[in-house]
Protein backbone atom coordinates (compact mmCIF):
# COMPACT_ATOMS: atom_id res chain seq x y z
CA MET A 1 9.08 -18.90 10.90
CA LEU A 2 9.20 -17.79 14.51
CA SER A 3 5.66 -19.00 15.17
CA ALA A 4 6.55 -22.45 13.84
CA VAL A 5 9.32 -22.69 16.40
CA THR A 6 7.29 -21.58 19.41
CA GLU A 7 3.82 -23.03 18.73
CA PRO A 8 2.72 -25.81 16.41
CA GLU A 9 -0.07 -24.72 14.07
CA GLY A 10 -2.08 -27.94 14.23
CA PRO A 11 -4.76 -28.67 16.80
CA GLN A 12 -3.53 -29.27 20.32
CA PRO A 13 -4.32 -32.62 21.92
CA ASN A 14 -6.50 -32.51 25.00
CA ARG A 15 -4.70 -32.50 28.30
CA SER A 16 -5.22 -35.47 30.51
CA PRO A 17 -6.72 -34.95 33.98
CA ALA A 18 -3.34 -35.90 35.41
CA ASP A 19 -1.97 -32.61 34.05
CA ALA A 20 -4.59 -30.60 35.95
CA PRO A 21 -3.46 -28.74 39.06
CA LYS A 22 -3.94 -30.39 42.42
CA ASP A 23 -7.03 -28.51 43.46
CA TYR A 24 -8.70 -31.24 45.47
CA GLU A 25 -7.78 -29.45 48.71
CA THR A 26 -9.75 -26.39 47.58
CA VAL A 27 -12.69 -28.52 46.44
CA ARG A 28 -12.68 -30.38 49.76
CA ASN A 29 -12.64 -27.13 51.76
CA ILE A 30 -15.49 -25.61 49.74
CA GLY A 31 -17.47 -28.83 50.16
CA THR A 32 -16.90 -28.81 53.91
CA VAL A 33 -18.02 -25.20 54.25
CA ALA A 34 -21.14 -25.80 52.15
CA MET A 35 -22.03 -28.95 54.05
CA VAL A 36 -21.53 -27.48 57.54
CA ALA A 37 -23.22 -24.18 56.74
CA GLY A 38 -26.22 -25.83 55.10
CA VAL A 39 -26.82 -28.25 57.95
CA ALA A 40 -26.13 -25.75 60.74
CA ILE A 41 -28.33 -22.98 59.35
CA SER A 42 -31.19 -25.33 58.51
CA PHE A 43 -31.16 -26.88 62.00
CA GLY A 44 -31.01 -23.36 63.44
CA ILE A 45 -34.13 -22.48 61.48
CA LEU A 46 -35.88 -25.65 62.65
CA ILE A 47 -34.96 -25.13 66.30
CA PHE A 48 -35.39 -21.36 66.70
CA ASP A 49 -38.24 -20.60 64.30
CA GLU A 50 -41.35 -20.54 66.48
CA ARG A 51 -43.67 -20.24 63.51
CA SER A 52 -43.80 -22.95 60.89
CA PRO A 53 -40.33 -23.17 59.32
CA SER A 54 -39.72 -21.67 55.92
CA TRP A 55 -39.62 -24.83 53.79
CA PRO A 56 -38.12 -23.25 50.65
CA TRP A 57 -35.15 -22.05 52.72
CA LEU A 58 -34.75 -25.45 54.36
CA VAL A 59 -34.85 -27.23 51.01
CA GLY A 60 -32.27 -24.83 49.56
CA LEU A 61 -29.97 -25.27 52.54
CA TRP A 62 -30.21 -29.07 52.41
CA ILE A 63 -29.44 -28.98 48.69
CA MET A 64 -26.39 -26.84 49.52
CA ALA A 65 -25.34 -29.44 52.11
CA LEU A 66 -25.75 -32.26 49.56
CA ILE A 67 -23.65 -30.33 47.05
CA GLY A 68 -20.99 -30.04 49.76
CA VAL A 69 -21.08 -33.80 50.29
CA GLY A 70 -20.71 -34.31 46.54
CA LEU A 71 -17.72 -31.97 46.41
CA ARG A 72 -16.04 -33.82 49.26
CA ILE A 73 -16.61 -37.15 47.50
CA GLU A 74 -15.18 -35.71 44.28
CA ALA A 75 -12.13 -34.40 46.14
CA GLY A 76 -11.59 -37.82 47.72
CA ILE A 77 -11.78 -39.54 44.34
CA ARG A 78 -9.33 -37.05 42.81
CA GLU A 79 -6.91 -37.46 45.69
CA ARG A 80 -7.07 -41.26 45.50
CA ARG A 81 -6.39 -41.24 41.75
CA ARG A 82 -3.34 -39.02 42.17
CA SER A 83 -1.68 -41.12 44.85
């Protein structure tokens, strides 16, 4: 009887995204760090590497920067929907 009072036994409906915590600030900050670090390190490799640059590292860093851009876009969309 106590469980019937505290929790319904049927399946719980899915929560809407509006009930999610406001984590777009965190997503935006992670995106910024990934974007800046990826671009800065890859340009550092291009500028200071006297040999031919390590292309796998450059590709990985540019992918990291693109992921950062995507996270910032996602954070902007979340913030716009909430306001």
